[in-house]
């Protein structure tokens, strides 16, 4: 539960952990979503490379009314690992990918240490609220 502009937002978060076996459940999980959060591991190029697949899969499964403007937020997670020495995806590369997909908001996070988690969820909630309001119009 988050509060945005004096509105209380309740959220459901589905974590598929990037596992292929959850792709067949996409319609049930994604339909009706107001925002999609894509998370990758900054220490894994494969994880980053899969962002395209997960974004496209979400758009297919959720079938939003306006896919070009559907809100996404990208989180580059695990920035705390090994003091940043094992990092393989630069912030610049991630931001460039986000820009190429319509200026998707991007946050570098550490779920373990709580770095940027609150800020990311505030952004997610604001985007979800905005998306929900636009659909009602």
N, C-alpha and C. Protein backbone atom coordinates (compact mmCIF):
# COMPACT_ATOMS: atom_id res chain seq x y z
N UNK A 1 0.85 -1.17 0.00
CA UNK A 1 0.00 0.00 0.00
C UNK A 1 0.90 1.24 0.00
N UNK A 2 0.60 2.17 -0.90
CA UNK A 2 1.34 3.43 -1.01
C UNK A 2 0.35 4.58 -1.09
N UNK A 3 0.80 5.74 -0.69
CA UNK A 3 -0.04 6.93 -0.80
C UNK A 3 0.60 7.87 -1.82
N UNK A 4 -0.19 8.23 -2.84
CA UNK A 4 0.28 9.12 -3.90
C UNK A 4 -0.77 10.20 -4.10
N UNK A 5 -0.37 11.45 -3.96
CA UNK A 5 -1.30 12.58 -4.13
C UNK A 5 -2.57 12.38 -3.31
N UNK A 6 -2.42 12.00 -2.06
CA UNK A 6 -3.53 11.77 -1.14
C UNK A 6 -4.46 10.63 -1.56
N UNK A 7 -4.00 9.79 -2.45
CA UNK A 7 -4.75 8.61 -2.87
C UNK A 7 -3.99 7.38 -2.39
N UNK A 8 -4.70 6.48 -1.73
CA UNK A 8 -4.07 5.24 -1.27
C UNK A 8 -4.12 4.24 -2.41
N UNK A 9 -2.97 3.68 -2.73
CA UNK A 9 -2.86 2.73 -3.83
C UNK A 9 -2.54 1.36 -3.25
N UNK A 10 -3.37 0.40 -3.59
CA UNK A 10 -3.12 -0.98 -3.22
C UNK A 10 -2.50 -1.66 -4.44
N UNK A 11 -1.49 -2.46 -4.21
CA UNK A 11 -0.83 -3.08 -5.36
C UNK A 11 -0.74 -4.59 -5.18
N UNK A 12 -0.77 -5.26 -6.31
CA UNK A 12 -0.48 -6.68 -6.37
C UNK A 12 0.78 -6.81 -7.20
N UNK A 13 1.73 -7.52 -6.69
CA UNK A 13 2.99 -7.69 -7.40
C UNK A 13 3.18 -9.17 -7.70
N UNK A 14 3.32 -9.46 -8.99
CA UNK A 14 3.55 -10.83 -9.42
C UNK A 14 5.02 -10.95 -9.82
N UNK A 15 5.75 -11.77 -9.12
CA UNK A 15 7.17 -11.96 -9.40
C UNK A 15 7.35 -13.31 -10.09
N UNK A 16 7.61 -13.27 -11.39
CA UNK A 16 7.81 -14.51 -12.13
C UNK A 16 9.26 -14.96 -12.11
N UNK A 17 10.12 -14.17 -11.52
CA UNK A 17 11.55 -14.49 -11.39
C UNK A 17 12.19 -14.83 -12.73
N UNK A 18 11.62 -14.31 -13.81
CA UNK A 18 12.19 -14.54 -15.14
C UNK A 18 12.11 -15.97 -15.61
N UNK A 19 11.25 -16.76 -14.99
CA UNK A 19 11.19 -18.18 -15.33
C UNK A 19 10.21 -18.43 -16.47
N UNK A 20 10.65 -19.21 -17.43
CA UNK A 20 9.86 -19.51 -18.62
C UNK A 20 8.52 -20.16 -18.26
N UNK A 21 8.48 -20.96 -17.22
CA UNK A 21 7.25 -21.69 -16.89
C UNK A 21 6.09 -20.77 -16.53
N UNK A 22 6.38 -19.51 -16.21
CA UNK A 22 5.31 -18.57 -15.88
C UNK A 22 4.74 -17.88 -17.11
N UNK A 23 5.40 -18.02 -18.26
CA UNK A 23 4.93 -17.33 -19.46
C UNK A 23 3.53 -17.79 -19.85
N UNK A 24 3.21 -19.05 -19.66
CA UNK A 24 1.88 -19.54 -20.04
C UNK A 24 0.79 -18.99 -19.13
N UNK A 25 1.15 -18.47 -17.98
CA UNK A 25 0.17 -17.90 -17.05
C UNK A 25 0.00 -16.40 -17.25
N UNK A 26 0.69 -15.85 -18.24
CA UNK A 26 0.72 -14.40 -18.46
C UNK A 26 -0.62 -13.72 -18.51
N UNK A 27 -1.56 -14.26 -19.28
CA UNK A 27 -2.86 -13.59 -19.42
C UNK A 27 -3.51 -13.42 -18.06
N UNK A 28 -3.54 -14.48 -17.27
CA UNK A 28 -4.17 -14.41 -15.95
C UNK A 28 -3.47 -13.41 -15.04
N UNK A 29 -2.14 -13.36 -15.11
CA UNK A 29 -1.39 -12.45 -14.25
C UNK A 29 -1.42 -11.01 -14.73
N UNK A 30 -1.29 -10.81 -16.03
CA UNK A 30 -1.03 -9.47 -16.56
C UNK A 30 -2.27 -8.68 -16.95
N UNK A 31 -3.33 -9.34 -17.34
CA UNK A 31 -4.52 -8.64 -17.81
C UNK A 31 -5.03 -7.70 -16.73
N UNK A 32 -5.31 -6.46 -17.11
CA UNK A 32 -5.81 -5.47 -16.16
C UNK A 32 -4.74 -4.72 -15.40
N UNK A 33 -3.48 -5.00 -15.69
CA UNK A 33 -2.38 -4.31 -15.01
C UNK A 33 -2.36 -2.83 -15.40
N UNK A 34 -1.96 -1.99 -14.46
CA UNK A 34 -1.85 -0.55 -14.72
C UNK A 34 -0.41 -0.11 -14.93
N UNK A 35 0.54 -0.99 -14.67
CA UNK A 35 1.96 -0.69 -14.86
C UNK A 35 2.71 -2.02 -14.87
N UNK A 36 3.81 -2.07 -15.60
CA UNK A 36 4.65 -3.27 -15.62
C UNK A 36 6.05 -2.90 -15.18
N UNK A 37 6.58 -3.64 -14.23
CA UNK A 37 7.93 -3.41 -13.72
C UNK A 37 8.82 -4.52 -14.25
N UNK A 38 9.85 -4.13 -14.98
CA UNK A 38 10.83 -5.09 -15.50
C UNK A 38 12.09 -4.96 -14.66
N UNK A 39 12.53 -6.07 -14.09
CA UNK A 39 13.70 -6.06 -13.22
C UNK A 39 14.77 -6.97 -13.83
N UNK A 40 15.99 -6.46 -13.87
CA UNK A 40 17.10 -7.28 -14.33
C UNK A 40 18.24 -7.14 -13.32
N UNK A 41 19.19 -8.06 -13.42
CA UNK A 41 20.36 -8.08 -12.55
C UNK A 41 21.50 -7.36 -13.26
N UNK A 42 22.02 -6.28 -12.68
CA UNK A 42 23.10 -5.51 -13.32
C UNK A 42 24.38 -6.34 -13.48
N UNK A 43 24.43 -7.50 -12.84
CA UNK A 43 25.60 -8.38 -12.90
C UNK A 43 25.44 -9.50 -13.93
N UNK A 44 24.36 -9.44 -14.72
CA UNK A 44 24.07 -10.50 -15.68
C UNK A 44 23.61 -9.90 -17.01
N UNK A 45 24.44 -10.04 -18.04
CA UNK A 45 24.07 -9.54 -19.36
C UNK A 45 22.85 -10.28 -19.90
N UNK A 46 22.77 -11.58 -19.63
CA UNK A 46 21.62 -12.37 -20.08
C UNK A 46 20.32 -11.81 -19.50
N UNK A 47 20.36 -11.46 -18.24
CA UNK A 47 19.19 -10.88 -17.57
C UNK A 47 18.78 -9.58 -18.27
N UNK A 48 19.74 -8.73 -18.58
CA UNK A 48 19.46 -7.47 -19.27
C UNK A 48 18.93 -7.73 -20.68
N UNK A 49 19.57 -8.64 -21.39
CA UNK A 49 19.14 -8.95 -22.76
C UNK A 49 17.71 -9.48 -22.82
N UNK A 50 17.25 -10.10 -21.75
CA UNK A 50 15.89 -10.64 -21.71
C UNK A 50 14.82 -9.57 -21.51
N UNK A 51 15.22 -8.33 -21.21
CA UNK A 51 14.22 -7.27 -21.02
C UNK A 51 13.31 -7.13 -22.24
N UNK A 52 13.90 -7.17 -23.43
CA UNK A 52 13.09 -7.06 -24.65
C UNK A 52 12.03 -8.15 -24.71
N UNK A 53 12.44 -9.38 -24.44
CA UNK A 53 11.50 -10.51 -24.49
C UNK A 53 10.37 -10.34 -23.48
N UNK A 54 10.73 -9.97 -22.25
CA UNK A 54 9.72 -9.84 -21.21
C UNK A 54 8.77 -8.67 -21.50
N UNK A 55 9.31 -7.58 -22.04
CA UNK A 55 8.45 -6.44 -22.39
C UNK A 55 7.46 -6.84 -23.48
N UNK A 56 7.96 -7.49 -24.53
CA UNK A 56 7.08 -7.91 -25.63
C UNK A 56 6.07 -8.95 -25.16
N UNK A 57 6.51 -9.88 -24.35
CA UNK A 57 5.61 -10.91 -23.83
C UNK A 57 4.50 -10.28 -22.99
N UNK A 58 4.87 -9.30 -22.18
CA UNK A 58 3.85 -8.62 -21.38
C UNK A 58 2.82 -7.95 -22.28
N UNK A 59 3.28 -7.22 -23.29
CA UNK A 59 2.36 -6.51 -24.18
C UNK A 59 1.44 -7.47 -24.93
N UNK A 60 1.96 -8.64 -25.30
CA UNK A 60 1.12 -9.64 -25.97
C UNK A 60 0.09 -10.19 -25.00
N UNK A 61 0.54 -10.60 -23.82
CA UNK A 61 -0.34 -11.25 -22.85
C UNK A 61 -1.35 -10.29 -22.23
N UNK A 62 -0.90 -9.09 -21.87
CA UNK A 62 -1.78 -8.13 -21.20
C UNK A 62 -2.71 -7.46 -22.19
N UNK A 63 -2.25 -7.32 -23.41
CA UNK A 63 -3.05 -6.70 -24.47
C UNK A 63 -3.65 -5.36 -24.04
N UNK A 64 -2.80 -4.41 -23.61
CA UNK A 64 -3.34 -3.12 -23.17
C UNK A 64 -3.95 -2.36 -24.34
N UNK A 65 -4.91 -1.48 -24.04
CA UNK A 65 -5.61 -0.74 -25.09
C UNK A 65 -4.68 0.19 -25.85
N UNK A 66 -3.63 0.69 -25.20
CA UNK A 66 -2.67 1.60 -25.85
C UNK A 66 -1.25 1.12 -25.57
N UNK A 67 -0.79 0.07 -26.27
CA UNK A 67 0.52 -0.51 -25.96
C UNK A 67 1.68 0.46 -26.09
N UNK A 68 1.59 1.42 -27.00
CA UNK A 68 2.68 2.38 -27.20
C UNK A 68 2.90 3.26 -25.97
N UNK A 69 1.84 3.51 -25.22
CA UNK A 69 1.93 4.40 -24.07
C UNK A 69 1.74 3.69 -22.74
N UNK A 70 1.72 2.36 -22.75
CA UNK A 70 1.55 1.63 -21.50
C UNK A 70 2.76 1.88 -20.60
N UNK A 71 2.53 2.17 -19.31
CA UNK A 71 3.66 2.50 -18.43
C UNK A 71 4.47 1.28 -17.98
N UNK A 72 5.75 1.41 -18.20
CA UNK A 72 6.73 0.44 -17.71
C UNK A 72 7.69 1.19 -16.79
N UNK A 73 8.31 0.47 -15.88
CA UNK A 73 9.42 0.98 -15.07
C UNK A 73 10.47 -0.12 -15.08
N UNK A 74 11.72 0.26 -15.27
CA UNK A 74 12.81 -0.73 -15.29
C UNK A 74 13.68 -0.53 -14.04
N UNK A 75 13.98 -1.65 -13.39
CA UNK A 75 14.85 -1.64 -12.22
C UNK A 75 16.09 -2.46 -12.51
N UNK A 76 17.25 -1.83 -12.40
CA UNK A 76 18.52 -2.54 -12.46
C UNK A 76 18.88 -2.90 -11.03
N UNK A 77 18.70 -4.16 -10.67
CA UNK A 77 18.83 -4.59 -9.28
C UNK A 77 20.20 -5.21 -9.00
N UNK A 78 20.46 -5.39 -7.72
CA UNK A 78 21.69 -6.01 -7.20
C UNK A 78 22.91 -5.13 -7.38
N UNK A 79 22.73 -3.82 -7.28
CA UNK A 79 23.87 -2.91 -7.40
C UNK A 79 24.83 -3.05 -6.22
N UNK A 80 24.40 -3.72 -5.16
CA UNK A 80 25.22 -3.91 -3.96
C UNK A 80 26.22 -5.05 -4.08
N UNK A 81 26.01 -5.96 -5.02
CA UNK A 81 26.82 -7.18 -5.10
C UNK A 81 28.29 -6.86 -5.37
N UNK A 82 29.15 -7.41 -4.56
CA UNK A 82 30.61 -7.32 -4.75
C UNK A 82 31.09 -5.87 -4.87
N UNK A 83 30.42 -4.98 -4.17
CA UNK A 83 30.80 -3.57 -4.21
C UNK A 83 30.72 -2.97 -5.60
N UNK A 84 29.94 -3.58 -6.48
CA UNK A 84 29.79 -3.09 -7.85
C UNK A 84 30.85 -3.61 -8.80
N UNK A 85 31.79 -4.42 -8.30
CA UNK A 85 32.89 -4.91 -9.14
C UNK A 85 32.48 -6.00 -10.13
N UNK A 86 31.36 -6.67 -9.88
CA UNK A 86 30.94 -7.74 -10.79
C UNK A 86 29.90 -7.25 -11.80
N UNK A 87 29.66 -5.98 -11.79
CA UNK A 87 28.66 -5.38 -12.67
C UNK A 87 29.08 -5.52 -14.14
N UNK A 88 28.12 -5.92 -15.00
CA UNK A 88 28.41 -6.04 -16.44
C UNK A 88 27.52 -5.15 -17.30
N UNK A 89 26.43 -4.63 -16.73
CA UNK A 89 25.54 -3.73 -17.47
C UNK A 89 25.68 -2.33 -16.88
N UNK A 90 26.17 -1.41 -17.67
CA UNK A 90 26.37 -0.05 -17.17
C UNK A 90 25.04 0.69 -17.07
N UNK A 91 25.01 1.67 -16.20
CA UNK A 91 23.82 2.50 -16.07
C UNK A 91 23.53 3.20 -17.40
N UNK A 92 24.57 3.62 -18.08
CA UNK A 92 24.41 4.29 -19.38
C UNK A 92 23.71 3.38 -20.39
N UNK A 93 24.12 2.12 -20.45
CA UNK A 93 23.52 1.16 -21.38
C UNK A 93 22.05 0.94 -21.04
N UNK A 94 21.75 0.80 -19.76
CA UNK A 94 20.37 0.58 -19.33
C UNK A 94 19.50 1.80 -19.64
N UNK A 95 20.03 2.98 -19.36
CA UNK A 95 19.26 4.20 -19.65
C UNK A 95 19.03 4.37 -21.16
N UNK A 96 20.00 3.98 -21.96
CA UNK A 96 19.85 4.06 -23.42
C UNK A 96 18.73 3.12 -23.88
N UNK A 97 18.68 1.91 -23.31
CA UNK A 97 17.61 0.97 -23.66
C UNK A 97 16.25 1.56 -23.28
N UNK A 98 16.17 2.12 -22.09
CA UNK A 98 14.91 2.72 -21.62
C UNK A 98 14.49 3.88 -22.53
N UNK A 99 15.45 4.69 -22.94
CA UNK A 99 15.16 5.82 -23.83
C UNK A 99 14.64 5.31 -25.18
N UNK A 100 15.21 4.23 -25.67
CA UNK A 100 14.81 3.68 -26.97
C UNK A 100 13.40 3.08 -26.94
N UNK A 101 12.89 2.81 -25.77
CA UNK A 101 11.56 2.21 -25.62
C UNK A 101 10.52 3.24 -25.18
N UNK A 102 10.83 4.51 -25.34
CA UNK A 102 9.85 5.55 -25.00
C UNK A 102 10.11 6.22 -23.67
N UNK A 103 11.38 6.33 -23.30
CA UNK A 103 11.76 6.99 -22.04
C UNK A 103 11.15 6.34 -20.81
N UNK A 104 11.34 5.06 -20.71
CA UNK A 104 10.88 4.31 -19.54
C UNK A 104 11.67 4.78 -18.32
N UNK A 105 10.99 5.07 -17.21
CA UNK A 105 11.72 5.43 -15.98
C UNK A 105 12.65 4.29 -15.56
N UNK A 106 13.84 4.66 -15.07
CA UNK A 106 14.85 3.67 -14.70
C UNK A 106 15.40 3.97 -13.31
N UNK A 107 15.55 2.93 -12.51
CA UNK A 107 16.12 3.05 -11.18
C UNK A 107 17.15 1.95 -10.98
N UNK A 108 18.24 2.29 -10.33
CA UNK A 108 19.22 1.29 -9.92
C UNK A 108 18.93 0.98 -8.46
N UNK A 109 18.73 -0.31 -8.17
CA UNK A 109 18.26 -0.69 -6.84
C UNK A 109 19.11 -1.80 -6.22
N UNK A 110 18.94 -1.89 -4.92
CA UNK A 110 19.41 -3.05 -4.17
C UNK A 110 18.26 -3.44 -3.26
N UNK A 111 17.59 -4.53 -3.62
CA UNK A 111 16.50 -5.01 -2.77
C UNK A 111 17.06 -5.42 -1.41
N UNK A 112 18.25 -5.97 -1.40
CA UNK A 112 18.89 -6.43 -0.16
C UNK A 112 19.15 -5.27 0.80
N UNK A 113 19.64 -4.15 0.27
CA UNK A 113 19.98 -3.01 1.13
C UNK A 113 18.95 -1.89 1.09
N UNK A 114 17.91 -2.05 0.31
CA UNK A 114 16.85 -1.04 0.25
C UNK A 114 17.19 0.21 -0.54
N UNK A 115 18.20 0.14 -1.39
CA UNK A 115 18.63 1.30 -2.17
C UNK A 115 17.62 1.59 -3.28
N UNK A 116 17.07 2.80 -3.28
CA UNK A 116 16.14 3.29 -4.31
C UNK A 116 14.83 2.51 -4.42
N UNK A 117 14.56 1.62 -3.51
CA UNK A 117 13.35 0.81 -3.58
C UNK A 117 12.11 1.67 -3.37
N UNK A 118 12.13 2.50 -2.34
CA UNK A 118 10.98 3.38 -2.08
C UNK A 118 10.73 4.33 -3.25
N UNK A 119 11.79 4.92 -3.77
CA UNK A 119 11.66 5.85 -4.91
C UNK A 119 11.08 5.13 -6.12
N UNK A 120 11.54 3.93 -6.37
CA UNK A 120 11.04 3.15 -7.51
C UNK A 120 9.55 2.86 -7.34
N UNK A 121 9.14 2.44 -6.15
CA UNK A 121 7.73 2.11 -5.95
C UNK A 121 6.84 3.34 -5.97
N UNK A 122 7.36 4.48 -5.57
CA UNK A 122 6.58 5.73 -5.72
C UNK A 122 6.34 6.01 -7.20
N UNK A 123 7.36 5.85 -8.01
CA UNK A 123 7.24 6.05 -9.46
C UNK A 123 6.25 5.04 -10.06
N UNK A 124 6.38 3.80 -9.66
CA UNK A 124 5.48 2.75 -10.15
C UNK A 124 4.04 3.09 -9.80
N UNK A 125 3.81 3.49 -8.55
CA UNK A 125 2.45 3.83 -8.10
C UNK A 125 1.90 5.03 -8.87
N UNK A 126 2.73 6.05 -9.09
CA UNK A 126 2.28 7.24 -9.84
C UNK A 126 1.92 6.86 -11.27
N UNK A 127 2.74 6.02 -11.89
CA UNK A 127 2.45 5.59 -13.26
C UNK A 127 1.18 4.74 -13.31
N UNK A 128 1.00 3.86 -12.34
CA UNK A 128 -0.20 3.03 -12.29
C UNK A 128 -1.44 3.89 -12.09
N UNK A 129 -1.34 4.87 -11.20
CA UNK A 129 -2.47 5.77 -10.95
C UNK A 129 -2.82 6.55 -12.20
N UNK A 130 -1.81 7.08 -12.86
CA UNK A 130 -2.02 7.84 -14.09
C UNK A 130 -2.64 6.96 -15.17
N UNK A 131 -2.14 5.74 -15.31
CA UNK A 131 -2.65 4.80 -16.30
C UNK A 131 -4.11 4.46 -16.02
N UNK A 132 -4.43 4.21 -14.76
CA UNK A 132 -5.80 3.89 -14.37
C UNK A 132 -6.75 5.03 -14.64
N UNK A 133 -6.30 6.25 -14.38
CA UNK A 133 -7.14 7.44 -14.63
C UNK A 133 -7.39 7.62 -16.12
N UNK A 134 -6.37 7.39 -16.94
CA UNK A 134 -6.52 7.55 -18.38
C UNK A 134 -7.47 6.51 -18.96
N UNK A 135 -7.46 5.29 -18.42
CA UNK A 135 -8.37 4.26 -18.91
C UNK A 135 -9.81 4.57 -18.58
N UNK A 136 -10.04 5.28 -17.46
CA UNK A 136 -11.41 5.62 -17.07
C UNK A 136 -12.02 6.68 -17.97
N UNK A 137 -11.15 7.43 -18.66
CA UNK A 137 -11.65 8.52 -19.51
C UNK A 137 -12.30 8.00 -20.77
